[in-house]
Amino acid sequence: MLASKRLYPLIACAALVTAALAAVVGQIGPASYADPLNLPVSEYAVLDRGGATSLMLASLGVAALAVVAALRVARARVGLPAERLTLVWGAGLILVAALPAVLPAGAMEAVAQAHHLVAMAAFVAMPAAGGLMAARFNADERWRPVARVVEWLALAGGFGLLALTYVALPGQGVLIGLVEWSLVGIGAALTAVPAVRLARPSRVRSAAPASHAVLG
């Protein structure tokens, strides 16, 4: 059990570091005409033939799944809805990264549509999960120190969704890449906060039985 408590947070942190490095490399790799500010992240990943952007998305997805496992092992009462939404966020990123490889090369329209739907589900799930986690963290003395950070990140994600809705509809896609990259960054930060907290178990182990009773 102790090994699991340490393993999952370390996997999440390693995946986050990999994602950060891949994001930097991904800005160099695609064709020169690819504009990261005006292309959706999923389309930019398709143009990145080196695969760095897809690796970034997949790594973030793995980090999110590892954080859910770590929270369960640590018995952090974040609630089933928050867990499921985090799983949607993580699985959605992995699917966005994998779709170009698993769908036929001639089905670009299908790839684009699937990318759009999966990415939107992930972007909606992320701030919702953060908001639910913030409420639970605030009620648990072990997690209260990071509750405000998670709350502000979830709020930023909510405003990011409003911005994404605007640029995707009346904004005609102008700067949609900038908004989506911002949401990816916020999602990475929401994943990193519990991952780093759990990677330092001395901060979380002092669980008072009363905190479990309050959150049960």
Protein backbone atom coordinates (compact mmCIF):
# COMPACT_ATOMS: atom_id res chain seq x y z
CA MET A 1 0.00 0.00 0.00
CA LEU A 2 2.82 2.40 0.87
CA ALA A 3 4.48 1.65 -2.49
CA SER A 4 1.23 2.45 -4.30
CA LYS A 5 0.86 5.71 -2.40
CA ARG A 6 4.24 6.80 -3.71
CA LEU A 7 4.08 5.19 -7.16
CA TYR A 8 0.97 6.86 -8.58
CA PRO A 9 1.97 10.43 -7.66
CA LEU A 10 5.45 9.81 -9.11
CA ILE A 11 3.90 8.52 -12.34
CA ALA A 12 1.72 11.63 -12.51
CA CYS A 13 4.64 13.98 -11.88
CA ALA A 14 6.84 12.18 -14.43
CA ALA A 15 4.04 12.37 -17.01
CA LEU A 16 3.60 16.09 -16.34
CA VAL A 17 7.32 16.74 -16.84
CA THR A 18 7.20 14.73 -20.08
CA ALA A 19 4.20 16.76 -21.23
CA ALA A 20 5.97 20.05 -20.53
CA LEU A 21 9.05 19.00 -22.50
CA ALA A 22 6.93 17.65 -25.37
CA ALA A 23 4.95 20.92 -25.50
CA VAL A 24 8.17 22.88 -26.04
CA VAL A 25 9.39 20.49 -28.74
CA GLY A 26 5.94 20.52 -30.36
CA GLN A 27 6.17 24.26 -31.00
CA ILE A 28 9.21 23.65 -33.20
CA GLY A 29 8.17 20.54 -35.11
CA PRO A 30 5.05 21.28 -37.22
CA ALA A 31 5.11 22.76 -40.70
CA SER A 32 5.91 26.45 -40.84
CA TYR A 33 2.36 27.37 -41.86
CA ALA A 34 0.87 25.87 -38.68
CA ASP A 35 -0.23 28.72 -36.43
CA PRO A 36 -0.62 27.51 -32.82
CA LEU A 37 -2.66 30.61 -31.90
CA ASN A 38 -5.37 30.09 -34.53
CA LEU A 39 -5.45 26.30 -34.86
CA PRO A 40 -7.25 24.05 -32.36
CA VAL A 41 -4.79 22.04 -30.32
CA SER A 42 -6.07 18.79 -31.85
CA GLU A 43 -5.49 20.04 -35.42
CA TYR A 44 -2.06 21.30 -34.45
CA ALA A 45 -1.27 17.83 -33.10
CA VAL A 46 -2.18 16.28 -36.47
CA LEU A 47 0.17 18.67 -38.29
CA ASP A 48 2.97 17.89 -35.86
CA ARG A 49 4.35 14.92 -37.75
CA GLY A 50 7.05 14.42 -35.14
CA GLY A 51 4.35 13.50 -32.64
CA ALA A 52 5.54 15.79 -29.84
CA THR A 53 2.15 17.49 -29.40
CA SER A 54 0.35 14.14 -29.36
CA LEU A 55 2.86 12.93 -26.79
CA MET A 56 2.13 16.00 -24.69
CA LEU A 57 -1.62 15.35 -24.76
CA ALA A 58 -1.20 11.64 -24.02
CA SER A 59 1.19 12.39 -21.14
CA LEU A 60 -1.28 14.83 -19.60
CA GLY A 61 -3.97 12.18 -19.92
CA VAL A 62 -1.80 9.59 -18.18
CA ALA A 63 -1.03 12.10 -15.42
CA ALA A 64 -4.74 12.72 -14.84
CA LEU A 65 -5.51 8.99 -14.65
CA ALA A 66 -2.58 8.46 -12.27
CA VAL A 67 -3.83 11.29 -10.04
CA VAL A 68 -7.26 9.66 -9.78
CA ALA A 69 -5.60 6.39 -8.75
CA ALA A 70 -3.36 8.23 -6.28
CA LEU A 71 -6.31 10.03 -4.69
CA ARG A 72 -8.12 6.72 -4.24
CA VAL A 73 -5.11 5.04 -2.64
CA ALA A 74 -4.65 8.04 -0.34
CA ARG A 75 -8.38 7.88 0.52
CA ALA A 76 -8.91 11.49 -0.41
CA ARG A 77 -12.68 11.95 -0.45
CA VAL A 78 -12.97 14.00 -3.63
CA GLY A 79 -16.26 12.34 -4.56
CA LEU A 80 -17.26 10.08 -7.44
CA PRO A 81 -18.41 12.91 -9.79
CA ALA A 82 -15.03 14.64 -9.51
CA GLU A 83 -13.22 11.36 -10.14
CA ARG A 84 -15.31 10.58 -13.20
CA LEU A 85 -14.88 14.06 -14.64
CA THR A 86 -11.12 13.82 -14.13
CA LEU A 87 -11.20 10.47 -15.91
CA VAL A 88 -13.08 12.09 -18.80
CA TRP A 89 -10.42 14.81 -18.96
CA GLY A 90 -7.57 12.27 -18.95
CA ALA A 91 -9.15 9.76 -21.30
CA GLY A 92 -10.23 12.57 -23.64
CA LEU A 93 -6.66 13.82 -24.00
CA ILE A 94 -5.39 10.31 -24.69
CA LEU A 95 -8.07 9.82 -27.35
CA VAL A 96 -7.26 13.14 -29.01
CA ALA A 97 -3.62 12.06 -29.16
CA ALA A 98 -4.44 8.58 -30.49
CA LEU A 99 -7.20 9.27 -33.02
CA PRO A 100 -4.97 10.28 -35.97
CA ALA A 101 -3.09 7.00 -35.60
CA VAL A 102 -6.11 4.69 -35.30
CA LEU A 103 -8.46 6.24 -37.89
CA PRO A 104 -7.87 5.75 -41.63
CA ALA A 105 -5.66 8.34 -43.31
CA GLY A 106 -8.41 9.19 -45.81
CA ALA A 107 -10.97 9.94 -43.12
CA MET A 108 -9.67 13.39 -42.24
CA GLU A 109 -13.18 14.81 -41.84
CA ALA A 110 -14.05 12.04 -39.40
CA VAL A 111 -10.79 12.65 -37.53
CA ALA A 112 -11.50 16.39 -37.28
CA GLN A 113 -15.06 15.84 -36.05
CA ALA A 114 -14.01 13.21 -33.51
CA HIS A 115 -11.20 15.48 -32.33
CA HIS A 116 -13.61 18.35 -31.82
CA LEU A 117 -16.16 16.33 -29.84
CA VAL A 118 -13.61 14.56 -27.63
CA ALA A 119 -11.62 17.75 -26.98
CA MET A 120 -14.77 19.68 -26.03
CA ALA A 121 -15.80 16.93 -23.59
CA ALA A 122 -12.35 17.06 -22.00
CA PHE A 123 -12.31 20.86 -21.77
CA VAL A 124 -15.76 20.91 -20.12
CA ALA A 125 -14.88 18.12 -17.67
CA MET A 126 -11.66 19.72 -16.44
CA PRO A 127 -12.95 22.88 -14.68
CA ALA A 128 -16.03 21.03 -13.43
CA ALA A 129 -13.82 18.42 -11.76
CA GLY A 130 -11.64 21.17 -10.29
CA GLY A 131 -14.64 22.96 -8.80
CA LEU A 132 -15.91 19.79 -7.15
CA MET A 133 -12.46 18.93 -5.83
CA ALA A 134 -12.00 22.43 -4.40
CA ALA A 135 -15.19 22.10 -2.35
CA ARG A 136 -14.10 18.73 -0.99
CA PHE A 137 -10.52 19.85 -0.32
CA ASN A 138 -11.80 22.85 1.61
CA ALA A 139 -13.71 20.52 3.93
CA ASP A 140 -10.66 18.30 4.62
CA GLU A 141 -7.92 19.72 6.83
CA ARG A 142 -5.30 17.63 5.00
CA TRP A 143 -6.11 19.30 1.69
CA ARG A 144 -7.29 22.74 2.81
CA PRO A 145 -3.89 24.39 2.03
CA VAL A 146 -4.36 23.68 -1.70
CA ALA A 147 -8.13 24.13 -1.87
CA ARG A 148 -7.93 27.82 -2.77
CA VAL A 149 -5.41 27.17 -5.55
CA VAL A 150 -7.63 24.46 -7.05
CA GLU A 151 -10.64 26.77 -6.73
CA TRP A 152 -8.93 29.59 -8.63
CA LEU A 153 -7.71 27.23 -11.34
CA ALA A 154 -11.22 25.81 -11.75
CA LEU A 155 -12.59 29.35 -12.00
CA ALA A 156 -9.97 30.21 -14.62
CA GLY A 157 -10.99 27.08 -16.52
CA GLY A 158 -14.62 28.19 -16.42
CA PHE A 159 -13.74 31.58 -17.89
CA GLY A 160 -11.63 29.75 -20.47
CA LEU A 161 -14.68 27.75 -21.51
CA LEU A 162 -16.67 30.96 -21.97
CA ALA A 163 -13.85 32.35 -24.10
CA LEU A 164 -13.72 29.12 -26.12
CA THR A 165 -17.47 29.30 -26.75
CA TYR A 166 -17.12 32.87 -27.99
CA VAL A 167 -14.17 32.27 -30.32
CA ALA A 168 -15.71 29.07 -31.69
CA LEU A 169 -19.03 30.73 -32.58
CA PRO A 170 -19.21 34.52 -33.12
CA GLY A 171 -15.42 34.81 -33.06
CA GLN A 172 -15.14 32.48 -36.10
CA GLY A 173 -12.22 30.59 -34.63
CA VAL A 174 -9.87 33.57 -34.27
CA LEU A 175 -7.30 32.80 -31.55
CA ILE A 176 -9.01 29.50 -30.74
CA GLY A 177 -5.58 27.92 -30.40
CA LEU A 178 -4.56 30.44 -27.76
CA VAL A 179 -7.70 29.72 -25.73
CA GLU A 180 -7.32 25.95 -26.02
CA TRP A 181 -3.63 26.02 -25.11
CA SER A 182 -4.58 28.10 -22.07
CA LEU A 183 -7.17 25.49 -21.08
CA VAL A 184 -4.60 22.72 -21.52
CA GLY A 185 -2.24 24.64 -19.24
CA ILE A 186 -4.93 25.14 -16.61
CA GLY A 187 -5.81 21.45 -16.79
CA ALA A 188 -2.15 20.54 -16.36
CA ALA A 189 -1.97 22.79 -13.29
CA LEU A 190 -5.13 21.22 -11.83
CA THR A 191 -3.51 17.83 -12.29
CA ALA A 192 -0.18 18.96 -10.87
CA VAL A 193 -1.55 20.36 -7.58
CA PRO A 194 -2.80 17.05 -6.12
CA ALA A 195 0.05 15.13 -7.79
CA VAL A 196 2.72 17.23 -6.09
CA ARG A 197 0.80 17.22 -2.81
CA LEU A 198 0.58 13.42 -2.85
CA ALA A 199 4.22 13.08 -3.85
CA ARG A 200 5.04 14.62 -0.47
CA PRO A 201 3.16 12.09 1.71
CA SER A 202 4.21 13.63 5.02
CA ARG A 203 1.90 16.53 4.18
CA VAL A 204 -1.09 14.29 3.60
CA ARG A 205 -0.68 11.34 5.92
CA SER A 206 -1.70 13.14 9.10
CA ALA A 207 -5.31 12.28 8.45
CA ALA A 208 -7.62 12.82 11.34
CA PRO A 209 -10.41 10.23 11.43
CA ALA A 210 -12.83 13.09 11.90
CA SER A 211 -12.03 14.47 8.45
CA HIS A 212 -13.18 11.18 6.89
CA ALA A 213 -16.39 11.33 8.88
CA VAL A 214 -17.10 14.85 7.66
CA LEU A 215 -16.58 13.89 4.02
CA GLY A 216 -18.27 10.53 4.08
